[in-house]
Amino acid sequence: MPLPSAPDRKPVIPASRLAASAVKANNELLVKGVLCLLIGAGVLVSPYFITSPGMQSIVAQSSLVGWFAVVLGAAFVGLYARRRMAASAKP
């Protein structure tokens, strides 16, 4: 049985639905960025509040993961800000 031919036209998506999905994607990007920043800050700050020396050294050794989360969160928030500025600049 042969496959059907490829469609000739692009699907018509209403502009309001397209804009709503873009806003939702931007908001999710902001949430991901804020959560990554909070997790990274928690990993970096928590060794100062842990009283057990063994656990403190284990968490302190994971500071690279904390910095990665902070940088990733800052990148997500920066991308969100860039998208918002680009959207507000459009007429």
PDB file of N, CA and C in Angstrom:
ATOM      1  N   MET A   1       0.843  -1.170   0.000  1.00  0.00           N
ATOM      2  CA  MET A   1       0.000   0.000   0.000  1.00  0.00           C
ATOM      3  C   MET A   1       0.892   1.238   0.000  1.00  0.00           C
ATOM      4  N   PRO A   2       0.761   2.147  -0.964  1.00  0.00           N
ATOM      5  CA  PRO A   2       1.637   3.322  -1.045  1.00  0.00           C
ATOM      6  C   PRO A   2       1.272   4.359   0.017  1.00  0.00           C
ATOM      7  N   LEU A   3       2.266   5.151   0.369  1.00  0.00           N
ATOM      8  CA  LEU A   3       2.049   6.224   1.336  1.00  0.00           C
ATOM      9  C   LEU A   3       1.309   7.371   0.686  1.00  0.00           C
ATOM     10  N   PRO A   4       0.527   8.134   1.457  1.00  0.00           N
ATOM     11  CA  PRO A   4      -0.153   9.301   0.876  1.00  0.00           C
ATOM     12  C   PRO A   4       0.859  10.384   0.528  1.00  0.00           C
ATOM     13  N   SER A   5       0.493  11.245  -0.378  1.00  0.00           N
ATOM     14  CA  SER A   5       1.393  12.317  -0.798  1.00  0.00           C
ATOM     15  C   SER A   5       1.508  13.364   0.305  1.00  0.00           C
ATOM     16  N   ALA A   6       2.569  14.142   0.248  1.00  0.00           N
ATOM     17  CA  ALA A   6       2.805  15.188   1.237  1.00  0.00           C
ATOM     18  C   ALA A   6       1.790  16.305   1.059  1.00  0.00           C
ATOM     19  N   PRO A   7       1.426  16.993   2.119  1.00  0.00           N
ATOM     20  CA  PRO A   7       0.460  18.081   1.992  1.00  0.00           C
ATOM     21  C   PRO A   7       1.035  19.235   1.175  1.00  0.00           C
ATOM     22  N   ASP A   8       0.161  19.907   0.454  1.00  0.00           N
ATOM     23  CA  ASP A   8       0.587  21.020  -0.390  1.00  0.00           C
ATOM     24  C   ASP A   8       0.595  22.347   0.358  1.00  0.00           C
ATOM     25  N   ARG A   9      -0.282  22.505   1.357  1.00  0.00           N
ATOM     26  CA  ARG A   9      -0.395  23.758   2.083  1.00  0.00           C
ATOM     27  C   ARG A   9      -0.035  23.562   3.549  1.00  0.00           C
ATOM     28  N   LYS A  10       0.416  24.654   4.162  1.00  0.00           N
ATOM     29  CA  LYS A  10       0.673  24.629   5.599  1.00  0.00           C
ATOM     30  C   LYS A  10      -0.651  24.699   6.348  1.00  0.00           C
ATOM     31  N   PRO A  11      -0.729  24.116   7.545  1.00  0.00           N
ATOM     32  CA  PRO A  11      -1.976  24.215   8.307  1.00  0.00           C
ATOM     33  C   PRO A  11      -2.208  25.659   8.764  1.00  0.00           C
ATOM     34  N   VAL A  12      -3.452  26.029   8.820  1.00  0.00           N
ATOM     35  CA  VAL A  12      -3.820  27.373   9.241  1.00  0.00           C
ATOM     36  C   VAL A  12      -4.029  27.351  10.754  1.00  0.00           C
ATOM     37  N   ILE A  13      -3.170  28.101  11.461  1.00  0.00           N
ATOM     38  CA  ILE A  13      -3.271  28.195  12.916  1.00  0.00           C
ATOM     39  C   ILE A  13      -3.699  29.619  13.250  1.00  0.00           C
ATOM     40  N   PRO A  14      -4.765  29.790  13.982  1.00  0.00           N
ATOM     41  CA  PRO A  14      -5.205  31.149  14.331  1.00  0.00           C
ATOM     42  C   PRO A  14      -4.111  31.899  15.081  1.00  0.00           C
ATOM     43  N   ALA A  15      -4.026  33.193  14.810  1.00  0.00           N
ATOM     44  CA  ALA A  15      -2.980  34.020  15.423  1.00  0.00           C
ATOM     45  C   ALA A  15      -3.118  34.072  16.939  1.00  0.00           C
ATOM     46  N   SER A  16      -4.348  34.068  17.432  1.00  0.00           N
ATOM     47  CA  SER A  16      -4.540  34.140  18.883  1.00  0.00           C
ATOM     48  C   SER A  16      -4.016  32.880  19.562  1.00  0.00           C
ATOM     49  N   ARG A  17      -4.228  31.722  18.938  1.00  0.00           N
ATOM     50  CA  ARG A  17      -3.726  30.473  19.520  1.00  0.00           C
ATOM     51  C   ARG A  17      -2.208  30.420  19.444  1.00  0.00           C
ATOM     52  N   LEU A  18      -1.652  30.932  18.360  1.00  0.00           N
ATOM     53  CA  LEU A  18      -0.198  30.966  18.220  1.00  0.00           C
ATOM     54  C   LEU A  18       0.419  31.899  19.255  1.00  0.00           C
ATOM     55  N   ALA A  19      -0.195  33.068  19.473  1.00  0.00           N
ATOM     56  CA  ALA A  19       0.312  34.024  20.462  1.00  0.00           C
ATOM     57  C   ALA A  19       0.176  33.460  21.876  1.00  0.00           C
ATOM     58  N   ALA A  20      -0.919  32.769  22.153  1.00  0.00           N
ATOM     59  CA  ALA A  20      -1.110  32.206  23.490  1.00  0.00           C
ATOM     60  C   ALA A  20      -0.076  31.131  23.786  1.00  0.00           C
ATOM     61  N   SER A  21       0.264  30.329  22.781  1.00  0.00           N
ATOM     62  CA  SER A  21       1.270  29.300  23.016  1.00  0.00           C
ATOM     63  C   SER A  21       2.653  29.917  23.206  1.00  0.00           C
ATOM     64  N   ALA A  22       2.919  31.043  22.535  1.00  0.00           N
ATOM     65  CA  ALA A  22       4.205  31.721  22.709  1.00  0.00           C
ATOM     66  C   ALA A  22       4.314  32.314  24.110  1.00  0.00           C
ATOM     67  N   VAL A  23       3.230  32.884  24.607  1.00  0.00           N
ATOM     68  CA  VAL A  23       3.230  33.455  25.963  1.00  0.00           C
ATOM     69  C   VAL A  23       3.420  32.353  26.992  1.00  0.00           C
ATOM     70  N   LYS A  24       2.763  31.221  26.778  1.00  0.00           N
ATOM     71  CA  LYS A  24       2.893  30.105  27.709  1.00  0.00           C
ATOM     72  C   LYS A  24       4.324  29.580  27.712  1.00  0.00           C
ATOM     73  N   ALA A  25       4.934  29.483  26.532  1.00  0.00           N
ATOM     74  CA  ALA A  25       6.318  29.010  26.446  1.00  0.00           C
ATOM     75  C   ALA A  25       7.259  29.985  27.146  1.00  0.00           C
ATOM     76  N   ASN A  26       7.021  31.276  26.988  1.00  0.00           N
ATOM     77  CA  ASN A  26       7.869  32.270  27.654  1.00  0.00           C
ATOM     78  C   ASN A  26       7.726  32.193  29.167  1.00  0.00           C
ATOM     79  N   ASN A  27       6.506  32.021  29.644  1.00  0.00           N
ATOM     80  CA  ASN A  27       6.299  31.928  31.089  1.00  0.00           C
ATOM     81  C   ASN A  27       6.946  30.669  31.664  1.00  0.00           C
ATOM     82  N   GLU A  28       6.869  29.570  30.922  1.00  0.00           N
ATOM     83  CA  GLU A  28       7.530  28.346  31.383  1.00  0.00           C
ATOM     84  C   GLU A  28       9.040  28.530  31.434  1.00  0.00           C
ATOM     85  N   LEU A  29       9.583  29.285  30.482  1.00  0.00           N
ATOM     86  CA  LEU A  29      11.012  29.560  30.471  1.00  0.00           C
ATOM     87  C   LEU A  29      11.409  30.368  31.706  1.00  0.00           C
ATOM     88  N   LEU A  30      10.583  31.319  32.076  1.00  0.00           N
ATOM     89  CA  LEU A  30      10.859  32.114  33.279  1.00  0.00           C
ATOM     90  C   LEU A  30      10.809  31.244  34.528  1.00  0.00           C
ATOM     91  N   VAL A  31       9.831  30.367  34.615  1.00  0.00           N
ATOM     92  CA  VAL A  31       9.711  29.485  35.789  1.00  0.00           C
ATOM     93  C   VAL A  31      10.931  28.575  35.884  1.00  0.00           C
ATOM     94  N   LYS A  32      11.342  28.001  34.765  1.00  0.00           N
ATOM     95  CA  LYS A  32      12.527  27.139  34.767  1.00  0.00           C
ATOM     96  C   LYS A  32      13.761  27.919  35.203  1.00  0.00           C
ATOM     97  N   GLY A  33      13.900  29.143  34.723  1.00  0.00           N
ATOM     98  CA  GLY A  33      15.048  29.960  35.090  1.00  0.00           C
ATOM     99  C   GLY A  33      15.088  30.284  36.568  1.00  0.00           C
ATOM    100  N   VAL A  34      13.954  30.669  37.113  1.00  0.00           N
ATOM    101  CA  VAL A  34      13.899  31.016  38.538  1.00  0.00           C
ATOM    102  C   VAL A  34      14.177  29.786  39.395  1.00  0.00           C
ATOM    103  N   LEU A  35      13.607  28.647  39.012  1.00  0.00           N
ATOM    104  CA  LEU A  35      13.849  27.423  39.788  1.00  0.00           C
ATOM    105  C   LEU A  35      15.319  27.005  39.726  1.00  0.00           C
ATOM    106  N   CYS A  36      15.931  27.102  38.570  1.00  0.00           N
ATOM    107  CA  CYS A  36      17.358  26.766  38.468  1.00  0.00           C
ATOM    108  C   CYS A  36      18.199  27.702  39.324  1.00  0.00           C
ATOM    109  N   LEU A  37      17.857  28.989  39.313  1.00  0.00           N
ATOM    110  CA  LEU A  37      18.590  29.941  40.154  1.00  0.00           C
ATOM    111  C   LEU A  37      18.442  29.602  41.636  1.00  0.00           C
ATOM    112  N   LEU A  38      17.236  29.253  42.057  1.00  0.00           N
ATOM    113  CA  LEU A  38      17.013  28.908  43.460  1.00  0.00           C
ATOM    114  C   LEU A  38      17.748  27.629  43.860  1.00  0.00           C
ATOM    115  N   ILE A  39      17.713  26.626  42.987  1.00  0.00           N
ATOM    116  CA  ILE A  39      18.410  25.375  43.288  1.00  0.00           C
ATOM    117  C   ILE A  39      19.908  25.606  43.360  1.00  0.00           C
ATOM    118  N   GLY A  40      20.442  26.345  42.394  1.00  0.00           N
ATOM    119  CA  GLY A  40      21.877  26.630  42.401  1.00  0.00           C
ATOM    120  C   GLY A  40      22.304  27.415  43.627  1.00  0.00           C
ATOM    121  N   ALA A  41      21.514  28.421  43.977  1.00  0.00           N
ATOM    122  CA  ALA A  41      21.839  29.206  45.171  1.00  0.00           C
ATOM    123  C   ALA A  41      21.746  28.341  46.424  1.00  0.00           C
ATOM    124  N   GLY A  42      20.768  27.436  46.459  1.00  0.00           N
ATOM    125  CA  GLY A  42      20.642  26.538  47.610  1.00  0.00           C
ATOM    126  C   GLY A  42      21.838  25.616  47.746  1.00  0.00           C
ATOM    127  N   VAL A  43      22.311  25.093  46.631  1.00  0.00           N
ATOM    128  CA  VAL A  43      23.478  24.200  46.679  1.00  0.00           C
ATOM    129  C   VAL A  43      24.732  24.961  47.086  1.00  0.00           C
ATOM    130  N   LEU A  44      24.857  26.202  46.631  1.00  0.00           N
ATOM    131  CA  LEU A  44      26.060  26.976  46.962  1.00  0.00           C
ATOM    132  C   LEU A  44      26.062  27.487  48.403  1.00  0.00           C
ATOM    133  N   VAL A  45      24.902  27.779  48.952  1.00  0.00           N
ATOM    134  CA  VAL A  45      24.816  28.377  50.291  1.00  0.00           C
ATOM    135  C   VAL A  45      24.663  27.328  51.385  1.00  0.00           C
ATOM    136  N   SER A  46      24.105  26.176  51.049  1.00  0.00           N
ATOM    137  CA  SER A  46      23.774  25.187  52.078  1.00  0.00           C
ATOM    138  C   SER A  46      24.972  24.668  52.888  1.00  0.00           C
ATOM    139  N   PRO A  47      26.197  24.567  52.369  1.00  0.00           N
ATOM    140  CA  PRO A  47      27.284  24.080  53.233  1.00  0.00           C
ATOM    141  C   PRO A  47      27.543  24.954  54.456  1.00  0.00           C
ATOM    142  N   TYR A  48      27.167  26.223  54.396  1.00  0.00           N
ATOM    143  CA  TYR A  48      27.389  27.113  55.531  1.00  0.00           C
ATOM    144  C   TYR A  48      26.373  26.892  56.648  1.00  0.00           C
ATOM    145  N   PHE A  49      25.266  26.224  56.336  1.00  0.00           N
ATOM    146  CA  PHE A  49      24.221  26.018  57.337  1.00  0.00           C
ATOM    147  C   PHE A  49      24.138  24.572  57.829  1.00  0.00           C
ATOM    148  N   ILE A  50      24.897  23.663  57.211  1.00  0.00           N
ATOM    149  CA  ILE A  50      24.885  22.262  57.624  1.00  0.00           C
ATOM    150  C   ILE A  50      25.870  22.096  58.776  1.00  0.00           C
ATOM    151  N   THR A  51      25.433  21.445  59.842  1.00  0.00           N
ATOM    152  CA  THR A  51      26.294  21.321  61.022  1.00  0.00           C
ATOM    153  C   THR A  51      27.194  20.091  60.962  1.00  0.00           C
ATOM    154  N   SER A  52      26.773  19.052  60.284  1.00  0.00           N
ATOM    155  CA  SER A  52      27.568  17.833  60.204  1.00  0.00           C
ATOM    156  C   SER A  52      28.758  18.042  59.268  1.00  0.00           C
ATOM    157  N   PRO A  53      30.006  17.840  59.756  1.00  0.00           N
ATOM    158  CA  PRO A  53      31.174  18.080  58.912  1.00  0.00           C
ATOM    159  C   PRO A  53      31.232  17.151  57.688  1.00  0.00           C
ATOM    160  N   GLY A  54      30.811  15.906  57.858  1.00  0.00           N
ATOM    161  CA  GLY A  54      30.836  14.978  56.734  1.00  0.00           C
ATOM    162  C   GLY A  54      29.877  15.398  55.630  1.00  0.00           C
ATOM    163  N   MET A  55      28.668  15.722  56.030  1.00  0.00           N
ATOM    164  CA  MET A  55      27.670  16.151  55.056  1.00  0.00           C
ATOM    165  C   MET A  55      28.043  17.508  54.458  1.00  0.00           C
ATOM    166  N   GLN A  56      28.650  18.350  55.259  1.00  0.00           N
ATOM    167  CA  GLN A  56      29.069  19.660  54.778  1.00  0.00           C
ATOM    168  C   GLN A  56      30.113  19.524  53.673  1.00  0.00           C
ATOM    169  N   SER A  57      31.052  18.603  53.834  1.00  0.00           N
ATOM    170  CA  SER A  57      32.084  18.426  52.804  1.00  0.00           C
ATOM    171  C   SER A  57      31.503  17.801  51.536  1.00  0.00           C
ATOM    172  N   ILE A  58      30.524  16.914  51.692  1.00  0.00           N
ATOM    173  CA  ILE A  58      29.887  16.301  50.520  1.00  0.00           C
ATOM    174  C   ILE A  58      29.156  17.361  49.698  1.00  0.00           C
ATOM    175  N   VAL A  59      28.398  18.208  50.376  1.00  0.00           N
ATOM    176  CA  VAL A  59      27.650  19.240  49.671  1.00  0.00           C
ATOM    177  C   VAL A  59      28.598  20.301  49.107  1.00  0.00           C
ATOM    178  N   ALA A  60      29.672  20.597  49.816  1.00  0.00           N
ATOM    179  CA  ALA A  60      30.631  21.593  49.335  1.00  0.00           C
ATOM    180  C   ALA A  60      31.333  21.107  48.073  1.00  0.00           C
ATOM    181  N   GLN A  61      31.512  19.786  47.936  1.00  0.00           N
ATOM    182  CA  GLN A  61      32.152  19.258  46.733  1.00  0.00           C
ATOM    183  C   GLN A  61      31.244  19.358  45.512  1.00  0.00           C
ATOM    184  N   SER A  62      29.978  19.584  45.713  1.00  0.00           N
ATOM    185  CA  SER A  62      29.053  19.703  44.586  1.00  0.00           C
ATOM    186  C   SER A  62      28.832  21.159  44.181  1.00  0.00           C
ATOM    187  N   SER A  63      29.762  22.021  44.502  1.00  0.00           N
ATOM    188  CA  SER A  63      29.593  23.437  44.156  1.00  0.00           C
ATOM    189  C   SER A  63      29.600  23.659  42.647  1.00  0.00           C
ATOM    190  N   LEU A  64      30.264  22.804  41.898  1.00  0.00           N
ATOM    191  CA  LEU A  64      30.255  22.930  40.441  1.00  0.00           C
ATOM    192  C   LEU A  64      28.828  22.773  39.898  1.00  0.00           C
ATOM    193  N   VAL A  65      28.086  21.852  40.475  1.00  0.00           N
ATOM    194  CA  VAL A  65      26.689  21.659  40.072  1.00  0.00           C
ATOM    195  C   VAL A  65      25.873  22.906  40.413  1.00  0.00           C
ATOM    196  N   GLY A  66      26.141  23.502  41.547  1.00  0.00           N
ATOM    197  CA  GLY A  66      25.438  24.723  41.937  1.00  0.00           C
ATOM    198  C   GLY A  66      25.718  25.869  40.992  1.00  0.00           C
ATOM    199  N   TRP A  67      26.970  26.039  40.621  1.00  0.00           N
ATOM    200  CA  TRP A  67      27.321  27.097  39.670  1.00  0.00           C
ATOM    201  C   TRP A  67      26.702  26.843  38.304  1.00  0.00           C
ATOM    202  N   PHE A  68      26.672  25.579  37.884  1.00  0.00           N
ATOM    203  CA  PHE A  68      26.033  25.254  36.608  1.00  0.00           C
ATOM    204  C   PHE A  68      24.554  25.614  36.641  1.00  0.00           C
ATOM    205  N   ALA A  69      23.880  25.309  37.739  1.00  0.00           N
ATOM    206  CA  ALA A  69      22.461  25.632  37.854  1.00  0.00           C
ATOM    207  C   ALA A  69      22.235  27.143  37.865  1.00  0.00           C
ATOM    208  N   VAL A  70      23.119  27.879  38.514  1.00  0.00           N
ATOM    209  CA  VAL A  70      22.992  29.338  38.537  1.00  0.00           C
ATOM    210  C   VAL A  70      23.172  29.916  37.136  1.00  0.00           C
ATOM    211  N   VAL A  71      24.182  29.450  36.424  1.00  0.00           N
ATOM    212  CA  VAL A  71      24.429  29.953  35.071  1.00  0.00           C
ATOM    213  C   VAL A  71      23.285  29.570  34.136  1.00  0.00           C
ATOM    214  N   LEU A  72      22.813  28.349  34.240  1.00  0.00           N
ATOM    215  CA  LEU A  72      21.704  27.907  33.406  1.00  0.00           C
ATOM    216  C   LEU A  72      20.435  28.709  33.711  1.00  0.00           C
ATOM    217  N   GLY A  73      20.165  28.943  34.975  1.00  0.00           N
ATOM    218  CA  GLY A  73      19.001  29.741  35.352  1.00  0.00           C
ATOM    219  C   GLY A  73      19.113  31.177  34.863  1.00  0.00           C
ATOM    220  N   ALA A  74      20.308  31.751  34.962  1.00  0.00           N
ATOM    221  CA  ALA A  74      20.514  33.116  34.464  1.00  0.00           C
ATOM    222  C   ALA A  74      20.333  33.173  32.948  1.00  0.00           C
ATOM    223  N   ALA A  75      20.764  32.133  32.250  1.00  0.00           N
ATOM    224  CA  ALA A  75      20.584  32.093  30.799  1.00  0.00           C
ATOM    225  C   ALA A  75      19.102  31.998  30.446  1.00  0.00           C
ATOM    226  N   PHE A  76      18.335  31.192  31.177  1.00  0.00           N
ATOM    227  CA  PHE A  76      16.899  31.093  30.925  1.00  0.00           C
ATOM    228  C   PHE A  76      16.198  32.419  31.180  1.00  0.00           C
ATOM    229  N   VAL A  77      16.541  33.070  32.266  1.00  0.00           N
ATOM    230  CA  VAL A  77      15.914  34.356  32.587  1.00  0.00           C
ATOM    231  C   VAL A  77      16.321  35.405  31.553  1.00  0.00           C
ATOM    232  N   GLY A  78      17.582  35.381  31.127  1.00  0.00           N
ATOM    233  CA  GLY A  78      18.030  36.312  30.095  1.00  0.00           C
ATOM    234  C   GLY A  78      17.321  36.081  28.770  1.00  0.00           C
ATOM    235  N   LEU A  79      17.110  34.829  28.407  1.00  0.00           N
ATOM    236  CA  LEU A  79      16.382  34.518  27.182  1.00  0.00           C
ATOM    237  C   LEU A  79      14.934  34.970  27.279  1.00  0.00           C
ATOM    238  N   TYR A  80      14.343  34.800  28.455  1.00  0.00           N
ATOM    239  CA  TYR A  80      12.977  35.277  28.670  1.00  0.00           C
ATOM    240  C   TYR A  80      12.919  36.800  28.497  1.00  0.00           C
ATOM    241  N   ALA A  81      13.874  37.503  29.085  1.00  0.00           N
ATOM    242  CA  ALA A  81      13.896  38.962  28.982  1.00  0.00           C
ATOM    243  C   ALA A  81      14.097  39.401  27.533  1.00  0.00           C
ATOM    244  N   ARG A  82      14.966  38.711  26.820  1.00  0.00           N
ATOM    245  CA  ARG A  82      15.197  39.056  25.414  1.00  0.00           C
ATOM    246  C   ARG A  82      13.942  38.835  24.577  1.00  0.00           C
ATOM    247  N   ARG A  83      13.231  37.736  24.827  1.00  0.00           N
ATOM    248  CA  ARG A  83      11.990  37.479  24.090  1.00  0.00           C
ATOM    249  C   ARG A  83      10.929  38.510  24.422  1.00  0.00           C
ATOM    250  N   ARG A  84      10.842  38.918  25.680  1.00  0.00           N
ATOM    251  CA  ARG A  84       9.851  39.925  26.057  1.00  0.00           C
ATOM    252  C   ARG A  84      10.159  41.271  25.417  1.00  0.00           C
ATOM    253  N   MET A  85      11.440  41.631  25.372  1.00  0.00           N
ATOM    254  CA  MET A  85      11.807  42.910  24.734  1.00  0.00           C
ATOM    255  C   MET A  85      11.543  42.876  23.236  1.00  0.00           C
ATOM    256  N   ALA A  86      11.807  41.725  22.611  1.00  0.00           N
ATOM    257  CA  ALA A  86      11.553  41.600  21.176  1.00  0.00           C
ATOM    258  C   ALA A  86      10.053  41.639  20.894  1.00  0.00           C
ATOM    259  N   ALA A  87       9.259  41.048  21.769  1.00  0.00           N
ATOM    260  CA  ALA A  87       7.807  41.055  21.575  1.00  0.00           C
ATOM    261  C   ALA A  87       7.229  42.455  21.776  1.00  0.00           C
ATOM    262  N   SER A  88       7.772  43.197  22.724  1.00  0.00           N
ATOM    263  CA  SER A  88       7.251  44.555  22.958  1.00  0.00           C
ATOM    264  C   SER A  88       7.715  45.519  21.870  1.00  0.00           C
ATOM    265  N   ALA A  89       8.805  45.220  21.183  1.00  0.00           N
ATOM    266  CA  ALA A  89       9.300  46.078  20.120  1.00  0.00           C
ATOM    267  C   ALA A  89       8.509  45.898  18.835  1.00  0.00           C
ATOM    268  N   LYS A  90       7.858  44.740  18.679  1.00  0.00           N
ATOM    269  CA  LYS A  90       7.029  44.501  17.490  1.00  0.00           C
ATOM    270  C   LYS A  90       5.783  45.358  17.539  1.00  0.00           C
ATOM    271  N   PRO A  91       5.379  45.902  16.392  1.00  0.00           N
ATOM    272  CA  PRO A  91       4.145  46.719  16.391  1.00  0.00           C
ATOM    273  C   PRO A  91       2.910  45.851  16.438  1.00  0.00           C
TER     274      PRO A  91
END
